[in-house]
């Protein structure tokens, strides 16, 4: 049955691709287009060469309504941003110059502070991800998934992000009319609450929780940073918890294993993220090497993205392919 379904899906996708899936499949709605585009890419990438960059990440604003202790963006000190019309024109220009891009991530700052601009921007790309702190009501975006940043249960969340907003974030994220993931950046302040965090959120409407680790700035002995041995123990805990929570923990087992200290430095040294994703700051300029900017310490990188790319594009791990599809599209 599985082989029959795969064969059927591949046949449909090949047929659709002949009619230019990205531009002319008018009968499909936004949600169907997002899913088809992702499946088409994953199957094509599994068997054929794919052009880079695949995605674009855009700092839609340099403003934010929170001051989180672990935020890399605040340390970039972006003091200006383009106006709405200038931003839209710049993004349209980038789309034209990089036709291989099928996925867009909208960040900041807090991108929902420019909600009207965001709604216009997501129409330009078939697959979208909105990375938000969740303090502002989420708009309905059919061709996108929201990644709401939540750093643990109330006590741990407030130690990182401040007091007074946890309940609002949880209410905003607990919806079944849009696709929502929760992302949690683990550091020395919140690493002890993983089990309680999963238990608290398992009965909400979110699709699941993705874990990553805090990445410090270069040359700084950062008190939030978890060293290799500490990360390894946490990864073992998460792998064990996946036996209970399954895909509610969005990270695949293959990706988690690649994040272990025995292999992680090899992957971050040859990181594919700068090739795979074009990063743009709030002034419309390209950021290097990635969305975290030039001061991020790549040798201590805890971002899950390089390991997902390695697992999907180089290793072709099936569990990671399915995970990435869910994480970036919500399907």
Protein backbone atom coordinates (compact mmCIF):
# COMPACT_ATOMS: atom_id res chain seq x y z
CA UNK A 1 0.00 0.00 0.00
CA UNK A 2 2.82 2.43 0.90
CA UNK A 3 4.66 1.72 -2.36
CA UNK A 4 1.43 2.22 -4.30
CA UNK A 5 0.78 5.57 -2.58
CA UNK A 6 4.35 6.77 -3.21
CA UNK A 7 4.13 5.75 -6.85
CA UNK A 8 0.79 7.53 -7.19
CA UNK A 9 2.14 10.70 -5.52
CA UNK A 10 5.28 10.76 -7.66
CA UNK A 11 3.16 10.34 -10.79
CA UNK A 12 0.94 13.26 -9.84
CA UNK A 13 3.89 15.49 -8.98
CA UNK A 14 5.74 14.72 -12.20
CA UNK A 15 2.60 15.45 -14.18
CA UNK A 16 2.01 18.68 -12.29
CA UNK A 17 5.62 19.77 -12.78
CA UNK A 18 5.19 19.59 -16.56
CA UNK A 19 2.67 22.39 -16.23
CA UNK A 20 4.93 24.52 -14.03
CA UNK A 21 3.68 23.84 -10.51
CA UNK A 22 4.95 27.13 -9.17
CA UNK A 23 3.04 29.42 -11.52
CA UNK A 24 0.12 27.83 -13.30
CA UNK A 25 -1.72 25.42 -11.00
CA UNK A 26 -4.63 27.81 -10.59
CA UNK A 27 -7.14 25.28 -9.32
CA UNK A 28 -5.26 24.63 -6.10
CA UNK A 29 -5.72 26.85 -3.08
CA UNK A 30 -2.87 28.32 -1.03
CA UNK A 31 -2.68 25.36 1.34
CA UNK A 32 -2.70 22.76 -1.46
CA UNK A 33 -0.06 24.72 -3.38
CA UNK A 34 2.22 24.90 -0.36
CA UNK A 35 1.98 21.14 0.17
CA UNK A 36 2.45 20.28 -3.51
CA UNK A 37 5.41 22.60 -3.85
CA UNK A 38 7.10 21.06 -0.82
CA UNK A 39 6.48 17.47 -1.93
CA UNK A 40 7.68 18.32 -5.42
CA UNK A 41 10.89 19.82 -4.07
CA UNK A 42 11.59 16.94 -1.68
CA UNK A 43 11.07 14.29 -4.34
CA UNK A 44 13.05 16.24 -6.90
CA UNK A 45 15.87 16.83 -4.42
CA UNK A 46 15.94 13.16 -3.51
CA UNK A 47 16.52 12.08 -7.10
CA UNK A 48 17.85 15.14 -8.95
CA UNK A 49 19.94 18.26 -8.50
CA UNK A 50 18.26 21.35 -7.05
CA UNK A 51 19.38 24.95 -7.53
CA UNK A 52 20.31 27.22 -4.62
CA UNK A 53 19.23 29.25 -2.76
CA UNK A 54 16.07 27.36 -1.85
CA UNK A 55 14.79 29.92 0.62
CA UNK A 56 15.01 33.49 1.77
CA UNK A 57 14.84 34.83 5.32
CA UNK A 58 13.86 38.45 5.76
CA UNK A 59 14.10 40.66 8.83
CA UNK A 60 10.85 42.48 8.19
CA UNK A 61 11.53 45.00 10.96
CA UNK A 62 14.24 45.95 13.44
CA UNK A 63 11.62 46.61 16.13
CA UNK A 64 10.47 44.21 18.82
CA UNK A 65 8.14 44.46 21.80
CA UNK A 66 10.28 42.11 23.94
CA UNK A 67 13.90 42.13 25.09
CA UNK A 68 14.88 38.46 25.35
CA UNK A 69 18.18 37.58 26.98
CA UNK A 70 19.25 35.13 24.29
CA UNK A 71 18.22 37.16 21.23
CA UNK A 72 20.92 37.36 18.54
CA UNK A 73 18.97 40.06 16.70
CA UNK A 74 19.24 42.66 19.46
CA UNK A 75 23.02 42.23 19.38
CA UNK A 76 23.10 43.10 15.67
CA UNK A 77 22.03 46.67 16.47
CA UNK A 78 19.96 47.25 13.33
CA UNK A 79 18.90 50.85 13.76
CA UNK A 80 16.94 51.54 10.55
CA UNK A 81 14.51 49.72 8.29
CA UNK A 82 12.97 50.22 4.85
CA UNK A 83 9.47 51.62 4.51
CA UNK A 84 6.60 49.38 3.39
CA UNK A 85 6.81 50.24 -0.30
CA UNK A 86 10.60 50.03 -0.36
CA UNK A 87 10.53 46.68 1.44
CA UNK A 88 8.00 45.20 -0.96
CA UNK A 89 9.95 46.40 -4.01
CA UNK A 90 13.19 44.98 -2.60
CA UNK A 91 11.61 41.59 -1.92
CA UNK A 92 10.09 41.52 -5.40
CA UNK A 93 13.54 42.31 -6.81
CA UNK A 94 15.11 39.46 -4.83
CA UNK A 95 12.42 37.06 -6.00
CA UNK A 96 13.17 37.98 -9.60
CA UNK A 97 16.94 37.70 -9.12
CA UNK A 98 16.74 34.35 -7.32
CA UNK A 99 14.07 32.30 -9.13
CA UNK A 100 15.10 29.11 -7.30
CA UNK A 101 13.59 30.41 -4.03
CA UNK A 102 10.36 28.64 -3.08
CA UNK A 103 10.30 29.31 0.67
CA UNK A 104 10.34 32.56 2.62
CA UNK A 105 10.87 33.03 6.37
CA UNK A 106 9.71 36.31 7.90
CA UNK A 107 11.51 37.40 11.04
CA UNK A 108 12.70 40.45 12.92
CA UNK A 109 12.48 41.95 15.35
CA UNK A 110 8.84 41.02 15.59
CA UNK A 111 7.39 40.69 12.05
CA UNK A 112 3.78 41.08 13.21
CA UNK A 113 4.54 44.69 14.11
CA UNK A 114 4.31 45.12 10.32
CA UNK A 115 1.32 42.85 9.81
CA UNK A 116 -0.04 44.59 6.70
CA UNK A 117 3.34 44.37 4.96
CA UNK A 118 3.67 40.72 6.01
CA UNK A 119 0.31 39.83 4.47
CA UNK A 120 1.45 41.35 1.17
CA UNK A 121 4.83 39.63 1.27
CA UNK A 122 3.57 36.08 1.84
CA UNK A 123 1.64 36.31 -1.42
CA UNK A 124 4.95 36.40 -3.31
CA UNK A 125 6.08 32.90 -2.30
CA UNK A 126 4.33 29.52 -2.29
CA UNK A 127 5.66 28.44 1.13
CA UNK A 128 6.06 30.79 4.10
CA UNK A 129 7.15 30.66 7.72
CA UNK A 130 6.45 33.48 10.18
CA UNK A 131 8.76 33.49 13.20
CA UNK A 132 7.04 35.39 16.00
CA UNK A 133 7.12 35.80 19.76
CA UNK A 134 3.35 35.23 19.76
CA UNK A 135 2.39 38.29 21.78
CA UNK A 136 0.35 39.73 18.88
CA UNK A 137 -2.73 37.96 17.50
CA UNK A 138 -1.76 35.78 14.55
CA UNK A 139 -3.42 36.57 11.20
CA UNK A 140 -4.85 33.79 9.04
CA UNK A 141 -2.24 32.93 6.40
CA UNK A 142 -3.17 29.85 4.41
CA UNK A 143 0.15 29.35 2.63
CA UNK A 144 2.26 29.63 5.75
CA UNK A 145 3.08 28.21 9.15
CA UNK A 146 3.74 30.19 12.32
CA UNK A 147 6.72 29.36 14.50
CA UNK A 148 5.97 30.80 17.92
CA UNK A 149 9.00 31.17 20.18
CA UNK A 150 8.33 29.79 23.68
CA UNK A 151 11.25 29.01 25.96
CA UNK A 152 9.66 26.62 28.41
CA UNK A 153 7.01 26.70 31.11
CA UNK A 154 6.08 29.99 32.73
CA UNK A 155 8.95 30.19 35.24
CA UNK A 156 11.61 29.46 32.63
CA UNK A 157 9.95 31.52 29.91
CA UNK A 158 9.84 34.57 32.16
CA UNK A 159 13.50 34.13 33.13
CA UNK A 160 14.38 34.58 29.45
CA UNK A 161 11.66 36.84 27.99
CA UNK A 162 10.22 38.79 30.92
CA UNK A 163 6.95 38.71 32.83
CA UNK A 164 3.36 39.41 31.92
CA UNK A 165 2.96 37.85 28.46
CA UNK A 166 3.13 34.05 28.88
CA UNK A 167 -0.64 33.53 29.07
CA UNK A 168 -1.24 35.78 26.07
CA UNK A 169 1.33 33.86 24.01
CA UNK A 170 -0.21 30.53 24.95
CA UNK A 171 -3.72 31.75 24.08
CA UNK A 172 -2.54 33.15 20.73
CA UNK A 173 -0.79 29.89 19.87
CA UNK A 174 -3.63 27.60 20.92
CA UNK A 175 -5.65 27.77 17.70
CA UNK A 176 -6.80 25.15 15.23
CA UNK A 177 -7.65 27.40 12.26
CA UNK A 178 -4.00 28.04 11.33
CA UNK A 179 -0.84 25.94 11.43
CA UNK A 180 1.38 26.68 14.43
CA UNK A 181 4.63 25.17 15.67
CA UNK A 182 6.38 26.14 18.87
CA UNK A 183 10.16 26.60 18.84
CA UNK A 184 12.24 26.43 21.99
CA UNK A 185 15.86 27.60 22.22
CA UNK A 186 17.54 25.67 25.01
CA UNK A 187 20.14 27.33 27.19
CA UNK A 188 21.38 27.13 30.78
CA UNK A 189 18.30 28.94 32.09
CA UNK A 190 15.64 26.61 30.69
CA UNK A 191 17.25 23.25 29.91
CA UNK A 192 15.72 21.60 32.99
CA UNK A 193 12.10 22.11 31.98
CA UNK A 194 11.83 20.06 28.76
CA UNK A 195 9.67 17.29 30.25
CA UNK A 196 7.27 19.69 32.02
CA UNK A 197 7.13 21.90 28.91
CA UNK A 198 6.09 19.04 26.65
CA UNK A 199 3.51 17.87 29.17
CA UNK A 200 2.00 21.35 29.50
CA UNK A 201 1.65 21.95 25.76
CA UNK A 202 0.72 18.46 24.54
CA UNK A 203 -3.03 19.10 24.78
CA UNK A 204 -3.02 22.42 22.90
CA UNK A 205 -3.71 22.84 19.19
CA UNK A 206 -0.07 23.40 18.20
CA UNK A 207 1.41 20.86 15.78
CA UNK A 208 4.47 20.27 17.90
CA UNK A 209 7.64 21.66 19.46
CA UNK A 210 11.05 22.01 17.83
CA UNK A 211 14.15 22.30 20.00
CA UNK A 212 17.41 24.05 19.21
CA UNK A 213 20.31 25.36 21.28
CA UNK A 214 21.48 28.88 22.04
CA UNK A 215 24.24 30.19 19.75
CA UNK A 216 26.57 32.74 21.38
CA UNK A 217 28.38 35.65 19.77
CA UNK A 218 32.03 35.31 18.84
CA UNK A 219 34.66 35.99 21.49
CA UNK A 220 32.16 36.06 24.37
CA UNK A 221 32.19 33.68 27.32
CA UNK A 222 28.41 33.51 27.46
CA UNK A 223 26.68 32.27 30.60
CA UNK A 224 23.69 31.01 28.56
CA UNK A 225 25.79 28.68 26.40
CA UNK A 226 25.55 24.91 26.88
CA UNK A 227 28.79 23.06 26.15
CA UNK A 228 29.06 19.86 24.11
CA UNK A 229 28.70 17.45 27.00
CA UNK A 230 25.64 19.31 28.32
CA UNK A 231 24.03 19.33 24.86
CA UNK A 232 24.69 15.61 24.42
CA UNK A 233 22.88 14.78 27.65
CA UNK A 234 19.94 16.96 26.64
CA UNK A 235 19.79 15.38 23.18
CA UNK A 236 19.67 11.94 24.80
CA UNK A 237 16.75 13.14 26.93
CA UNK A 238 14.89 14.43 23.88
CA UNK A 239 15.54 11.22 21.93
CA UNK A 240 14.12 9.26 24.84
CA UNK A 241 11.12 11.59 25.09
CA UNK A 242 10.35 11.01 21.38
CA UNK A 243 9.40 7.45 22.34
CA UNK A 244 6.53 8.96 24.35
CA UNK A 245 5.69 12.08 22.34
CA UNK A 246 6.49 10.89 18.82
CA UNK A 247 6.29 13.58 16.17
CA UNK A 248 4.95 16.14 18.65
CA UNK A 249 8.68 16.65 19.15
CA UNK A 250 9.26 17.92 15.63
CA UNK A 251 13.02 17.30 15.51
CA UNK A 252 13.80 14.03 13.75
CA UNK A 253 15.97 11.44 15.48
CA UNK A 254 18.47 11.68 12.62
CA UNK A 255 18.83 15.45 12.99
CA UNK A 256 19.17 15.24 16.76
CA UNK A 257 21.98 12.69 16.44
CA UNK A 258 23.83 14.98 14.03
CA UNK A 259 23.74 17.72 16.69
CA UNK A 260 25.83 15.62 19.10
CA UNK A 261 29.32 16.89 19.89
CA UNK A 262 31.04 13.96 18.17
CA UNK A 263 29.86 15.11 14.73
CA UNK A 264 28.37 18.61 15.07
CA UNK A 265 31.60 20.57 14.48
CA UNK A 266 32.17 18.75 11.20
CA UNK A 267 28.72 19.81 10.01
CA UNK A 268 28.94 23.44 11.13
CA UNK A 269 32.37 23.75 9.50
CA UNK A 270 30.87 22.85 6.12
CA UNK A 271 27.50 24.45 6.87
CA UNK A 272 25.20 24.60 3.86
CA UNK A 273 22.90 27.27 5.30
CA UNK A 274 24.63 30.22 3.53
CA UNK A 275 24.06 28.47 0.19
CA UNK A 276 20.60 27.18 0.94
CA UNK A 277 19.11 30.37 2.40
CA UNK A 278 19.55 34.00 1.43
CA UNK A 279 19.36 36.23 4.52
CA UNK A 280 18.18 39.84 4.26
CA UNK A 281 18.27 42.47 7.00
CA UNK A 282 15.65 45.16 7.70
CA UNK A 283 17.48 47.58 5.39
CA UNK A 284 17.19 45.16 2.47
CA UNK A 285 20.86 44.18 2.53
CA UNK A 286 22.25 40.66 2.42
CA UNK A 287 23.45 39.30 5.78
CA UNK A 288 26.36 36.89 5.95
CA UNK A 289 26.84 34.10 6.69
CA UNK A 290 23.23 33.52 7.72
CA UNK A 291 20.24 35.03 9.49
CA UNK A 292 22.22 35.22 12.75
CA UNK A 293 24.64 37.71 11.25
CA UNK A 294 28.41 38.06 11.12
CA UNK A 295 29.03 37.96 14.88
CA UNK A 296 27.45 34.55 15.51
CA UNK A 297 30.00 31.96 16.66
CA UNK A 298 29.56 29.23 14.06
CA UNK A 299 31.94 26.93 15.96
CA UNK A 300 29.38 26.87 18.81
CA UNK A 301 26.26 26.91 16.62
CA UNK A 302 23.16 25.42 18.20
CA UNK A 303 20.69 26.36 15.45
CA UNK A 304 18.85 23.31 14.19
CA UNK A 305 18.82 24.48 10.55
CA UNK A 306 22.38 23.42 9.50
CA UNK A 307 21.73 19.95 10.88
CA UNK A 308 18.35 19.67 9.15
CA UNK A 309 19.96 20.68 5.86
CA UNK A 310 22.74 18.12 6.35
CA UNK A 311 20.26 15.41 7.21
CA UNK A 312 17.92 16.14 4.28
CA UNK A 313 20.20 17.26 1.46
CA UNK A 314 23.36 15.28 2.13
CA UNK A 315 22.28 12.26 4.17
CA UNK A 316 18.76 11.97 2.69
CA UNK A 317 17.30 10.72 5.98
CA UNK A 318 13.63 9.91 5.44
CA UNK A 319 12.57 10.90 8.97
CA UNK A 320 14.20 14.32 8.50
CA UNK A 321 12.59 14.82 5.09
CA UNK A 322 9.16 14.25 6.64
CA UNK A 323 10.03 16.46 9.62
CA UNK A 324 11.23 19.35 7.46
CA UNK A 325 8.05 19.14 5.39
CA UNK A 326 5.98 19.46 8.56
CA UNK A 327 8.12 22.14 10.16
CA UNK A 328 8.30 24.45 7.15
CA UNK A 329 4.78 23.97 5.77
CA UNK A 330 2.70 22.67 8.67
CA UNK A 331 1.59 19.65 6.63
